[in-house]
């Protein structure tokens, strides 16, 4: 009896508690690959992996140089918008699927087309900001791009460079098409912590102040997107602290926000965790094991009590006879 209970406990623990370790290798994409909301290179997958853990290796797809621009330069722009920044693109592939799960493009410079309102005056500006000295990004990605982004998380630590204080604006966009023209423009964008759902696309925005010799870690969760057959777009937008007291409206967000800004990426790791099953041993497994052990102990106590009772009755019978 005890042997069978031990076998049952071992079977439950090994069935629900183990995960498969997988190897992830980068797969190079063509150098002309771009990552924009109106891009036609959306990936789709018919496979779904469960409880898989893996890691990524960062590699450049395209790298071009860019001229250095003075710190925090604000200049009026023409109606044609800011210059196109030079980009460096990265892609990450999962070995069990030929489709990329995450793509990331960063630029050598920061160009921001904005309407900046201050003291009841409106300014149409193009802002150029240098990148940080170090960026560390890590998080979890679904096992398949067809999985729900229930527990996808991104942790970003940014150590500011120089004496200037920055606000770090992290934006998560689920890359979707709206009426055939890419992600539609958002009306207003405030420099504060904002979380909202815009039509069929999940958008979560966090801003924090980061000063010299200080590094903060920002953790954001992407909660259940309406569809999961599109790649996840990660956009990193640092802003100068001078806009802290103003309200900024981005013009033509669908065009300019998918050109991420100047970053020096030193480390980029993701873990695949299936969005339908929690990683590790589920909570009910130790509860079941504890219940089985408690039941086993209870049975032993009952058998011991019955044995003591029988021995007592037998002793009384022998004493009477």
C-alpha atoms as a PDB file:
ATOM      1  CA  UNK A   1       0.000   0.000   0.000  1.00  0.00           C
ATOM      2  CA  UNK A   2       2.708   2.491   1.013  1.00  0.00           C
ATOM      3  CA  UNK A   3       4.786   1.575  -2.055  1.00  0.00           C
ATOM      4  CA  UNK A   4       1.843   2.340  -4.382  1.00  0.00           C
ATOM      5  CA  UNK A   5       1.265   5.721  -2.719  1.00  0.00           C
ATOM      6  CA  UNK A   6       4.934   6.661  -3.173  1.00  0.00           C
ATOM      7  CA  UNK A   7       4.810   5.674  -6.845  1.00  0.00           C
ATOM      8  CA  UNK A   8       1.669   7.778  -7.340  1.00  0.00           C
ATOM      9  CA  UNK A   9       3.279  10.830  -5.690  1.00  0.00           C
ATOM     10  CA  UNK A  10       6.416  10.454  -7.822  1.00  0.00           C
ATOM     11  CA  UNK A  11       4.347  10.173 -11.000  1.00  0.00           C
ATOM     12  CA  UNK A  12       2.364  13.343 -10.222  1.00  0.00           C
ATOM     13  CA  UNK A  13       5.474  15.367  -9.367  1.00  0.00           C
ATOM     14  CA  UNK A  14       7.386  14.325 -12.482  1.00  0.00           C
ATOM     15  CA  UNK A  15       4.409  14.766 -14.797  1.00  0.00           C
ATOM     16  CA  UNK A  16       3.516  18.321 -13.770  1.00  0.00           C
ATOM     17  CA  UNK A  17       6.794  19.666 -12.467  1.00  0.00           C
ATOM     18  CA  UNK A  18       9.368  19.111 -15.186  1.00  0.00           C
ATOM     19  CA  UNK A  19      10.103  21.341 -18.159  1.00  0.00           C
ATOM     20  CA  UNK A  20      11.976  20.718 -21.385  1.00  0.00           C
ATOM     21  CA  UNK A  21      15.235  22.590 -21.924  1.00  0.00           C
ATOM     22  CA  UNK A  22      15.543  23.754 -25.520  1.00  0.00           C
ATOM     23  CA  UNK A  23      18.227  25.394 -27.593  1.00  0.00           C
ATOM     24  CA  UNK A  24      17.532  28.625 -29.419  1.00  0.00           C
ATOM     25  CA  UNK A  25      19.631  29.686 -32.365  1.00  0.00           C
ATOM     26  CA  UNK A  26      19.417  33.026 -34.192  1.00  0.00           C
ATOM     27  CA  UNK A  27      18.247  32.879 -37.783  1.00  0.00           C
ATOM     28  CA  UNK A  28      19.370  35.762 -39.960  1.00  0.00           C
ATOM     29  CA  UNK A  29      16.763  37.657 -41.934  1.00  0.00           C
ATOM     30  CA  UNK A  30      17.373  39.658 -45.118  1.00  0.00           C
ATOM     31  CA  UNK A  31      19.102  42.989 -44.556  1.00  0.00           C
ATOM     32  CA  UNK A  32      16.101  44.785 -46.034  1.00  0.00           C
ATOM     33  CA  UNK A  33      13.795  43.497 -43.320  1.00  0.00           C
ATOM     34  CA  UNK A  34      11.962  46.309 -41.559  1.00  0.00           C
ATOM     35  CA  UNK A  35       9.705  46.218 -38.580  1.00  0.00           C
ATOM     36  CA  UNK A  36       6.762  48.570 -38.818  1.00  0.00           C
ATOM     37  CA  UNK A  37       3.049  48.238 -38.063  1.00  0.00           C
ATOM     38  CA  UNK A  38       2.191  48.351 -41.728  1.00  0.00           C
ATOM     39  CA  UNK A  39       4.826  45.804 -42.634  1.00  0.00           C
ATOM     40  CA  UNK A  40       3.748  42.869 -44.761  1.00  0.00           C
ATOM     41  CA  UNK A  41       6.304  40.511 -43.233  1.00  0.00           C
ATOM     42  CA  UNK A  42       4.070  39.354 -40.385  1.00  0.00           C
ATOM     43  CA  UNK A  43       4.865  35.874 -39.188  1.00  0.00           C
ATOM     44  CA  UNK A  44       2.362  33.182 -38.444  1.00  0.00           C
ATOM     45  CA  UNK A  45       2.754  29.766 -36.948  1.00  0.00           C
ATOM     46  CA  UNK A  46       0.696  26.625 -36.804  1.00  0.00           C
ATOM     47  CA  UNK A  47       2.754  25.123 -33.997  1.00  0.00           C
ATOM     48  CA  UNK A  48       2.266  25.684 -30.295  1.00  0.00           C
ATOM     49  CA  UNK A  49       4.909  24.737 -27.760  1.00  0.00           C
ATOM     50  CA  UNK A  50       4.146  24.192 -24.086  1.00  0.00           C
ATOM     51  CA  UNK A  51       6.270  24.762 -20.983  1.00  0.00           C
ATOM     52  CA  UNK A  52       9.450  25.368 -22.951  1.00  0.00           C
ATOM     53  CA  UNK A  53      12.376  27.327 -21.542  1.00  0.00           C
ATOM     54  CA  UNK A  54      15.005  28.811 -23.815  1.00  0.00           C
ATOM     55  CA  UNK A  55      17.264  31.823 -24.225  1.00  0.00           C
ATOM     56  CA  UNK A  56      18.109  34.182 -27.049  1.00  0.00           C
ATOM     57  CA  UNK A  57      21.337  35.433 -28.531  1.00  0.00           C
ATOM     58  CA  UNK A  58      21.368  38.927 -29.972  1.00  0.00           C
ATOM     59  CA  UNK A  59      22.800  39.478 -33.423  1.00  0.00           C
ATOM     60  CA  UNK A  60      22.592  42.420 -35.838  1.00  0.00           C
ATOM     61  CA  UNK A  61      20.697  42.182 -39.102  1.00  0.00           C
ATOM     62  CA  UNK A  62      21.627  45.635 -40.291  1.00  0.00           C
ATOM     63  CA  UNK A  63      23.931  48.261 -38.863  1.00  0.00           C
ATOM     64  CA  UNK A  64      24.576  51.713 -40.288  1.00  0.00           C
ATOM     65  CA  UNK A  65      26.432  54.660 -38.863  1.00  0.00           C
ATOM     66  CA  UNK A  66      24.894  57.983 -37.895  1.00  0.00           C
ATOM     67  CA  UNK A  67      26.326  61.401 -37.196  1.00  0.00           C
ATOM     68  CA  UNK A  68      26.520  62.660 -33.631  1.00  0.00           C
ATOM     69  CA  UNK A  69      23.953  65.293 -32.705  1.00  0.00           C
ATOM     70  CA  UNK A  70      24.328  67.774 -29.804  1.00  0.00           C
ATOM     71  CA  UNK A  71      22.685  66.888 -26.516  1.00  0.00           C
ATOM     72  CA  UNK A  72      18.951  67.620 -26.161  1.00  0.00           C
ATOM     73  CA  UNK A  73      18.654  69.726 -29.279  1.00  0.00           C
ATOM     74  CA  UNK A  74      15.167  71.080 -29.975  1.00  0.00           C
ATOM     75  CA  UNK A  75      14.519  72.617 -33.369  1.00  0.00           C
ATOM     76  CA  UNK A  76      11.339  73.469 -35.284  1.00  0.00           C
ATOM     77  CA  UNK A  77      10.607  71.024 -38.053  1.00  0.00           C
ATOM     78  CA  UNK A  78       9.030  71.321 -41.424  1.00  0.00           C
ATOM     79  CA  UNK A  79       5.773  69.656 -42.347  1.00  0.00           C
ATOM     80  CA  UNK A  80       7.764  66.802 -43.852  1.00  0.00           C
ATOM     81  CA  UNK A  81       8.663  65.477 -40.411  1.00  0.00           C
ATOM     82  CA  UNK A  82      12.006  64.558 -38.877  1.00  0.00           C
ATOM     83  CA  UNK A  83      14.851  62.847 -40.738  1.00  0.00           C
ATOM     84  CA  UNK A  84      14.788  59.085 -40.890  1.00  0.00           C
ATOM     85  CA  UNK A  85      17.104  57.646 -38.225  1.00  0.00           C
ATOM     86  CA  UNK A  86      19.630  54.954 -39.031  1.00  0.00           C
ATOM     87  CA  UNK A  87      18.585  51.598 -37.636  1.00  0.00           C
ATOM     88  CA  UNK A  88      20.170  48.445 -36.294  1.00  0.00           C
ATOM     89  CA  UNK A  89      17.774  45.511 -36.323  1.00  0.00           C
ATOM     90  CA  UNK A  90      17.785  42.286 -34.329  1.00  0.00           C
ATOM     91  CA  UNK A  91      15.671  39.195 -34.680  1.00  0.00           C
ATOM     92  CA  UNK A  92      15.188  36.109 -32.521  1.00  0.00           C
ATOM     93  CA  UNK A  93      13.966  32.745 -33.689  1.00  0.00           C
ATOM     94  CA  UNK A  94      12.649  29.753 -31.828  1.00  0.00           C
ATOM     95  CA  UNK A  95      14.050  26.383 -32.862  1.00  0.00           C
ATOM     96  CA  UNK A  96      10.668  24.644 -32.896  1.00  0.00           C
ATOM     97  CA  UNK A  97       9.235  27.257 -35.221  1.00  0.00           C
ATOM     98  CA  UNK A  98      10.671  28.952 -38.284  1.00  0.00           C
ATOM     99  CA  UNK A  99       8.891  32.187 -37.432  1.00  0.00           C
ATOM    100  CA  UNK A 100      10.496  34.960 -35.388  1.00  0.00           C
ATOM    101  CA  UNK A 101       8.923  35.570 -32.010  1.00  0.00           C
ATOM    102  CA  UNK A 102      10.546  38.925 -31.289  1.00  0.00           C
ATOM    103  CA  UNK A 103      12.175  41.525 -33.489  1.00  0.00           C
ATOM    104  CA  UNK A 104      13.857  44.649 -32.230  1.00  0.00           C
ATOM    105  CA  UNK A 105      15.156  47.634 -34.176  1.00  0.00           C
ATOM    106  CA  UNK A 106      17.172  50.385 -32.527  1.00  0.00           C
ATOM    107  CA  UNK A 107      18.590  53.596 -33.939  1.00  0.00           C
ATOM    108  CA  UNK A 108      21.846  55.432 -33.518  1.00  0.00           C
ATOM    109  CA  UNK A 109      20.003  58.679 -32.842  1.00  0.00           C
ATOM    110  CA  UNK A 110      16.676  59.800 -31.482  1.00  0.00           C
ATOM    111  CA  UNK A 111      14.255  61.753 -33.625  1.00  0.00           C
ATOM    112  CA  UNK A 112      10.925  62.704 -32.151  1.00  0.00           C
ATOM    113  CA  UNK A 113       8.188  64.543 -34.002  1.00  0.00           C
ATOM    114  CA  UNK A 114       5.906  66.119 -31.451  1.00  0.00           C
ATOM    115  CA  UNK A 115       3.482  68.818 -30.495  1.00  0.00           C
ATOM    116  CA  UNK A 116       4.790  70.228 -27.246  1.00  0.00           C
ATOM    117  CA  UNK A 117       2.377  72.423 -25.262  1.00  0.00           C
ATOM    118  CA  UNK A 118       3.756  74.672 -22.542  1.00  0.00           C
ATOM    119  CA  UNK A 119       2.400  77.896 -21.048  1.00  0.00           C
ATOM    120  CA  UNK A 120      -0.585  77.666 -23.388  1.00  0.00           C
ATOM    121  CA  UNK A 121       1.733  77.724 -26.400  1.00  0.00           C
ATOM    122  CA  UNK A 122       2.066  74.931 -28.925  1.00  0.00           C
ATOM    123  CA  UNK A 123       5.420  73.919 -30.396  1.00  0.00           C
ATOM    124  CA  UNK A 124       5.996  71.563 -33.309  1.00  0.00           C
ATOM    125  CA  UNK A 125       9.446  70.153 -32.640  1.00  0.00           C
ATOM    126  CA  UNK A 126      11.908  67.545 -33.712  1.00  0.00           C
ATOM    127  CA  UNK A 127      13.960  66.394 -30.729  1.00  0.00           C
ATOM    128  CA  UNK A 128      17.301  64.621 -30.943  1.00  0.00           C
ATOM    129  CA  UNK A 129      18.488  62.887 -27.772  1.00  0.00           C
ATOM    130  CA  UNK A 130      21.585  60.730 -27.222  1.00  0.00           C
ATOM    131  CA  UNK A 131      21.178  57.189 -26.034  1.00  0.00           C
ATOM    132  CA  UNK A 132      21.914  55.755 -22.598  1.00  0.00           C
ATOM    133  CA  UNK A 133      25.229  54.225 -21.604  1.00  0.00           C
ATOM    134  CA  UNK A 134      23.834  50.782 -20.874  1.00  0.00           C
ATOM    135  CA  UNK A 135      20.578  48.971 -21.460  1.00  0.00           C
ATOM    136  CA  UNK A 136      19.722  45.552 -20.078  1.00  0.00           C
ATOM    137  CA  UNK A 137      16.540  43.916 -21.305  1.00  0.00           C
ATOM    138  CA  UNK A 138      15.197  40.592 -20.119  1.00  0.00           C
ATOM    139  CA  UNK A 139      11.792  39.024 -19.870  1.00  0.00           C
ATOM    140  CA  UNK A 140       9.456  36.255 -20.909  1.00  0.00           C
ATOM    141  CA  UNK A 141       7.904  35.618 -24.271  1.00  0.00           C
ATOM    142  CA  UNK A 142       5.140  33.133 -25.133  1.00  0.00           C
ATOM    143  CA  UNK A 143       6.213  29.734 -26.388  1.00  0.00           C
ATOM    144  CA  UNK A 144       4.546  30.533 -29.688  1.00  0.00           C
ATOM    145  CA  UNK A 145       3.419  33.742 -31.319  1.00  0.00           C
ATOM    146  CA  UNK A 146       0.018  32.063 -31.494  1.00  0.00           C
ATOM    147  CA  UNK A 147      -0.107  31.846 -27.698  1.00  0.00           C
ATOM    148  CA  UNK A 148      -1.774  34.473 -25.568  1.00  0.00           C
ATOM    149  CA  UNK A 149       0.454  37.147 -24.073  1.00  0.00           C
ATOM    150  CA  UNK A 150      -0.996  36.473 -20.616  1.00  0.00           C
ATOM    151  CA  UNK A 151       2.233  36.452 -18.674  1.00  0.00           C
ATOM    152  CA  UNK A 152       4.637  38.163 -21.050  1.00  0.00           C
ATOM    153  CA  UNK A 153       6.881  40.543 -19.141  1.00  0.00           C
ATOM    154  CA  UNK A 154       9.722  42.857 -20.000  1.00  0.00           C
ATOM    155  CA  UNK A 155      12.247  44.121 -17.458  1.00  0.00           C
ATOM    156  CA  UNK A 156      14.408  47.026 -18.541  1.00  0.00           C
ATOM    157  CA  UNK A 157      17.258  48.621 -16.583  1.00  0.00           C
ATOM    158  CA  UNK A 158      18.721  51.815 -17.921  1.00  0.00           C
ATOM    159  CA  UNK A 159      21.790  53.507 -16.468  1.00  0.00           C
ATOM    160  CA  UNK A 160      21.665  57.131 -17.561  1.00  0.00           C
ATOM    161  CA  UNK A 161      24.693  58.758 -19.187  1.00  0.00           C
ATOM    162  CA  UNK A 162      25.917  62.225 -18.266  1.00  0.00           C
ATOM    163  CA  UNK A 163      24.395  64.726 -15.870  1.00  0.00           C
ATOM    164  CA  UNK A 164      21.051  65.011 -17.613  1.00  0.00           C
ATOM    165  CA  UNK A 165      17.994  63.357 -16.140  1.00  0.00           C
ATOM    166  CA  UNK A 166      15.839  61.324 -18.501  1.00  0.00           C
ATOM    167  CA  UNK A 167      12.393  59.878 -18.497  1.00  0.00           C
ATOM    168  CA  UNK A 168      12.249  56.346 -19.808  1.00  0.00           C
ATOM    169  CA  UNK A 169       9.090  55.689 -21.765  1.00  0.00           C
ATOM    170  CA  UNK A 170       8.492  51.993 -22.502  1.00  0.00           C
ATOM    171  CA  UNK A 171       5.727  51.217 -24.963  1.00  0.00           C
ATOM    172  CA  UNK A 172       4.395  47.777 -25.841  1.00  0.00           C
ATOM    173  CA  UNK A 173       2.364  47.480 -29.024  1.00  0.00           C
ATOM    174  CA  UNK A 174       0.773  44.349 -30.377  1.00  0.00           C
ATOM    175  CA  UNK A 175       1.515  44.720 -34.060  1.00  0.00           C
ATOM    176  CA  UNK A 176      -1.846  44.723 -35.811  1.00  0.00           C
ATOM    177  CA  UNK A 177      -3.389  46.256 -38.870  1.00  0.00           C
ATOM    178  CA  UNK A 178      -6.268  48.659 -38.595  1.00  0.00           C
ATOM    179  CA  UNK A 179      -8.242  49.394 -41.772  1.00  0.00           C
ATOM    180  CA  UNK A 180      -5.262  48.343 -43.852  1.00  0.00           C
ATOM    181  CA  UNK A 181      -3.010  51.279 -42.970  1.00  0.00           C
ATOM    182  CA  UNK A 182      -1.079  49.980 -39.986  1.00  0.00           C
ATOM    183  CA  UNK A 183      -1.550  51.017 -36.381  1.00  0.00           C
ATOM    184  CA  UNK A 184      -3.692  54.109 -36.320  1.00  0.00           C
ATOM    185  CA  UNK A 185      -2.556  57.342 -34.757  1.00  0.00           C
ATOM    186  CA  UNK A 186      -3.242  57.826 -31.071  1.00  0.00           C
ATOM    187  CA  UNK A 187      -4.773  61.139 -30.121  1.00  0.00           C
ATOM    188  CA  UNK A 188      -2.656  62.121 -27.136  1.00  0.00           C
ATOM    189  CA  UNK A 189       0.362  60.825 -25.282  1.00  0.00           C
ATOM    190  CA  UNK A 190       1.057  62.142 -21.807  1.00  0.00           C
ATOM    191  CA  UNK A 191       4.420  61.918 -20.102  1.00  0.00           C
ATOM    192  CA  UNK A 192       3.145  59.970 -17.142  1.00  0.00           C
ATOM    193  CA  UNK A 193       2.350  56.365 -16.326  1.00  0.00           C
ATOM    194  CA  UNK A 194      -0.515  55.296 -18.589  1.00  0.00           C
ATOM    195  CA  UNK A 195      -2.177  51.932 -19.171  1.00  0.00           C
ATOM    196  CA  UNK A 196      -4.980  51.535 -21.676  1.00  0.00           C
ATOM    197  CA  UNK A 197      -6.418  49.317 -24.376  1.00  0.00           C
ATOM    198  CA  UNK A 198      -6.805  50.892 -27.795  1.00  0.00           C
ATOM    199  CA  UNK A 199      -9.233  49.016 -30.030  1.00  0.00           C
ATOM    200  CA  UNK A 200      -7.675  45.626 -30.845  1.00  0.00           C
ATOM    201  CA  UNK A 201      -4.169  46.443 -29.704  1.00  0.00           C
ATOM    202  CA  UNK A 202      -2.750  46.254 -26.201  1.00  0.00           C
ATOM    203  CA  UNK A 203      -0.747  49.333 -25.278  1.00  0.00           C
ATOM    204  CA  UNK A 204       0.995  49.688 -21.923  1.00  0.00           C
ATOM    205  CA  UNK A 205       3.176  52.711 -21.232  1.00  0.00           C
ATOM    206  CA  UNK A 206       5.353  53.439 -18.221  1.00  0.00           C
ATOM    207  CA  UNK A 207       7.647  56.419 -17.632  1.00  0.00           C
ATOM    208  CA  UNK A 208      10.216  56.839 -14.902  1.00  0.00           C
ATOM    209  CA  UNK A 209      12.943  59.336 -14.071  1.00  0.00           C
ATOM    210  CA  UNK A 210      16.501  58.082 -14.267  1.00  0.00           C
ATOM    211  CA  UNK A 211      19.485  60.152 -13.104  1.00  0.00           C
ATOM    212  CA  UNK A 212      23.243  59.756 -13.289  1.00  0.00           C
ATOM    213  CA  UNK A 213      24.694  56.855 -11.299  1.00  0.00           C
ATOM    214  CA  UNK A 214      21.196  55.530 -10.686  1.00  0.00           C
ATOM    215  CA  UNK A 215      19.517  52.635 -12.426  1.00  0.00           C
ATOM    216  CA  UNK A 216      15.902  51.636 -12.069  1.00  0.00           C
ATOM    217  CA  UNK A 217      14.215  48.460 -13.194  1.00  0.00           C
ATOM    218  CA  UNK A 218      10.794  48.726 -14.771  1.00  0.00           C
ATOM    219  CA  UNK A 219       8.607  45.637 -15.044  1.00  0.00           C
ATOM    220  CA  UNK A 220       5.552  45.666 -17.265  1.00  0.00           C
ATOM    221  CA  UNK A 221       3.038  42.931 -17.971  1.00  0.00           C
ATOM    222  CA  UNK A 222       1.164  42.461 -21.192  1.00  0.00           C
ATOM    223  CA  UNK A 223      -2.259  41.128 -20.309  1.00  0.00           C
ATOM    224  CA  UNK A 224      -4.260  38.993 -22.730  1.00  0.00           C
ATOM    225  CA  UNK A 225      -4.128  40.588 -26.136  1.00  0.00           C
ATOM    226  CA  UNK A 226      -7.161  40.120 -28.314  1.00  0.00           C
ATOM    227  CA  UNK A 227      -5.179  38.267 -30.984  1.00  0.00           C
ATOM    228  CA  UNK A 228      -1.833  36.541 -30.815  1.00  0.00           C
ATOM    229  CA  UNK A 229      -0.893  35.841 -34.403  1.00  0.00           C
ATOM    230  CA  UNK A 230       1.256  38.955 -34.813  1.00  0.00           C
ATOM    231  CA  UNK A 231       4.787  39.603 -33.568  1.00  0.00           C
ATOM    232  CA  UNK A 232       5.243  41.711 -30.482  1.00  0.00           C
ATOM    233  CA  UNK A 233       6.668  45.157 -31.145  1.00  0.00           C
ATOM    234  CA  UNK A 234       8.864  46.668 -28.441  1.00  0.00           C
ATOM    235  CA  UNK A 235       9.407  50.426 -28.596  1.00  0.00           C
ATOM    236  CA  UNK A 236      11.767  52.285 -26.283  1.00  0.00           C
ATOM    237  CA  UNK A 237      11.347  56.053 -26.169  1.00  0.00           C
ATOM    238  CA  UNK A 238      13.539  58.076 -23.796  1.00  0.00           C
ATOM    239  CA  UNK A 239      12.409  61.672 -23.414  1.00  0.00           C
ATOM    240  CA  UNK A 240      14.233  64.743 -22.033  1.00  0.00           C
ATOM    241  CA  UNK A 241      13.206  65.797 -18.556  1.00  0.00           C
ATOM    242  CA  UNK A 242      12.422  69.312 -19.809  1.00  0.00           C
ATOM    243  CA  UNK A 243       9.063  67.972 -21.070  1.00  0.00           C
ATOM    244  CA  UNK A 244       8.086  66.832 -17.586  1.00  0.00           C
ATOM    245  CA  UNK A 245       5.598  69.662 -17.007  1.00  0.00           C
ATOM    246  CA  UNK A 246       4.174  69.727 -20.494  1.00  0.00           C
ATOM    247  CA  UNK A 247       1.662  67.752 -22.481  1.00  0.00           C
ATOM    248  CA  UNK A 248       3.007  66.121 -25.611  1.00  0.00           C
ATOM    249  CA  UNK A 249       0.958  65.053 -28.598  1.00  0.00           C
ATOM    250  CA  UNK A 250       2.683  62.819 -31.095  1.00  0.00           C
ATOM    251  CA  UNK A 251       1.921  63.410 -34.729  1.00  0.00           C
ATOM    252  CA  UNK A 252       1.459  60.423 -36.991  1.00  0.00           C
ATOM    253  CA  UNK A 253       2.356  57.905 -34.318  1.00  0.00           C
ATOM    254  CA  UNK A 254       1.882  54.972 -36.677  1.00  0.00           C
ATOM    255  CA  UNK A 255       4.873  56.208 -38.697  1.00  0.00           C
ATOM    256  CA  UNK A 256       7.351  57.441 -36.158  1.00  0.00           C
ATOM    257  CA  UNK A 257       6.923  55.328 -33.040  1.00  0.00           C
ATOM    258  CA  UNK A 258       8.087  52.176 -34.768  1.00  0.00           C
ATOM    259  CA  UNK A 259      11.498  53.704 -35.327  1.00  0.00           C
ATOM    260  CA  UNK A 260      12.943  53.017 -31.863  1.00  0.00           C
ATOM    261  CA  UNK A 261      15.451  55.409 -30.454  1.00  0.00           C
ATOM    262  CA  UNK A 262      19.146  55.448 -29.652  1.00  0.00           C
ATOM    263  CA  UNK A 263      20.132  52.542 -27.424  1.00  0.00           C
ATOM    264  CA  UNK A 264      23.309  50.691 -26.636  1.00  0.00           C
ATOM    265  CA  UNK A 265      22.143  47.135 -26.084  1.00  0.00           C
ATOM    266  CA  UNK A 266      24.591  45.095 -24.068  1.00  0.00           C
ATOM    267  CA  UNK A 267      22.389  42.184 -23.064  1.00  0.00           C
ATOM    268  CA  UNK A 268      19.137  40.777 -24.389  1.00  0.00           C
ATOM    269  CA  UNK A 269      17.581  37.633 -22.938  1.00  0.00           C
ATOM    270  CA  UNK A 270      14.143  36.122 -23.259  1.00  0.00           C
ATOM    271  CA  UNK A 271      12.612  33.021 -21.742  1.00  0.00           C
ATOM    272  CA  UNK A 272       9.906  31.043 -23.433  1.00  0.00           C
ATOM    273  CA  UNK A 273       7.163  30.224 -20.956  1.00  0.00           C
ATOM    274  CA  UNK A 274       3.903  28.766 -22.145  1.00  0.00           C
ATOM    275  CA  UNK A 275       1.084  31.190 -21.424  1.00  0.00           C
ATOM    276  CA  UNK A 276      -1.444  28.498 -20.567  1.00  0.00           C
ATOM    277  CA  UNK A 277       0.564  26.532 -18.019  1.00  0.00           C
ATOM    278  CA  UNK A 278       2.619  28.038 -15.176  1.00  0.00           C
ATOM    279  CA  UNK A 279       6.293  27.197 -15.120  1.00  0.00           C
ATOM    280  CA  UNK A 280       7.689  24.851 -12.506  1.00  0.00           C
ATOM    281  CA  UNK A 281       5.586  22.654 -10.235  1.00  0.00           C
ATOM    282  CA  UNK A 282       1.940  23.769 -10.083  1.00  0.00           C
ATOM    283  CA  UNK A 283       0.552  24.721  -6.698  1.00  0.00           C
ATOM    284  CA  UNK A 284      -1.892  21.816  -6.563  1.00  0.00           C
ATOM    285  CA  UNK A 285       0.899  19.215  -6.812  1.00  0.00           C
ATOM    286  CA  UNK A 286       2.371  19.783  -3.334  1.00  0.00           C
ATOM    287  CA  UNK A 287      -1.181  20.047  -1.983  1.00  0.00           C
ATOM    288  CA  UNK A 288      -2.030  16.625  -3.444  1.00  0.00           C
ATOM    289  CA  UNK A 289       1.218  15.119  -2.156  1.00  0.00           C
ATOM    290  CA  UNK A 290       0.652  16.608   1.296  1.00  0.00           C
ATOM    291  CA  UNK A 291      -2.906  15.272   1.284  1.00  0.00           C
ATOM    292  CA  UNK A 292      -1.719  11.793   0.342  1.00  0.00           C
ATOM    293  CA  UNK A 293       0.920  11.822   3.078  1.00  0.00           C
ATOM    294  CA  UNK A 294      -1.575  13.109   5.623  1.00  0.00           C
ATOM    295  CA  UNK A 295      -4.004  10.368   4.625  1.00  0.00           C
ATOM    296  CA  UNK A 296      -1.271   7.777   4.921  1.00  0.00           C
ATOM    297  CA  UNK A 297      -0.369   9.005   8.418  1.00  0.00           C
ATOM    298  CA  UNK A 298      -4.041   9.006   9.380  1.00  0.00           C
ATOM    299  CA  UNK A 299      -4.411   5.405   8.189  1.00  0.00           C
ATOM    300  CA  UNK A 300      -1.372   4.400  10.250  1.00  0.00           C
ATOM    301  CA  UNK A 301      -2.823   6.113  13.318  1.00  0.00           C
ATOM    302  CA  UNK A 302      -6.154   4.349  12.814  1.00  0.00           C
ATOM    303  CA  UNK A 303      -4.435   0.975  12.401  1.00  0.00           C
ATOM    304  CA  UNK A 304      -2.333   1.667  15.480  1.00  0.00           C
ATOM    305  CA  UNK A 305      -5.442   2.591  17.498  1.00  0.00           C
ATOM    306  CA  UNK A 306      -7.258  -0.535  16.313  1.00  0.00           C
ATOM    307  CA  UNK A 307      -4.244  -2.678  17.239  1.00  0.00           C
ATOM    308  CA  UNK A 308      -4.009  -1.118  20.682  1.00  0.00           C
ATOM    309  CA  UNK A 309      -7.743  -1.636  21.198  1.00  0.00           C
ATOM    310  CA  UNK A 310      -7.542  -5.305  20.169  1.00  0.00           C
ATOM    311  CA  UNK A 311      -4.519  -5.902  22.388  1.00  0.00           C
ATOM    312  CA  UNK A 312      -6.327  -4.301  25.286  1.00  0.00           C
ATOM    313  CA  UNK A 313      -9.440  -6.422  24.715  1.00  0.00           C
ATOM    314  CA  UNK A 314      -7.279  -9.534  24.392  1.00  0.00           C
ATOM    315  CA  UNK A 315      -5.495  -8.724  27.645  1.00  0.00           C
ATOM    316  CA  UNK A 316      -8.777  -8.209  29.472  1.00  0.00           C
ATOM    317  CA  UNK A 317     -10.137 -11.490  28.054  1.00  0.00           C
ATOM    318  CA  UNK A 318      -7.066 -13.406  29.168  1.00  0.00           C
ATOM    319  CA  UNK A 319      -7.231 -11.817  32.615  1.00  0.00           C
ATOM    320  CA  UNK A 320     -10.885 -12.778  33.037  1.00  0.00           C
ATOM    321  CA  UNK A 321     -10.333 -16.360  31.925  1.00  0.00           C
END
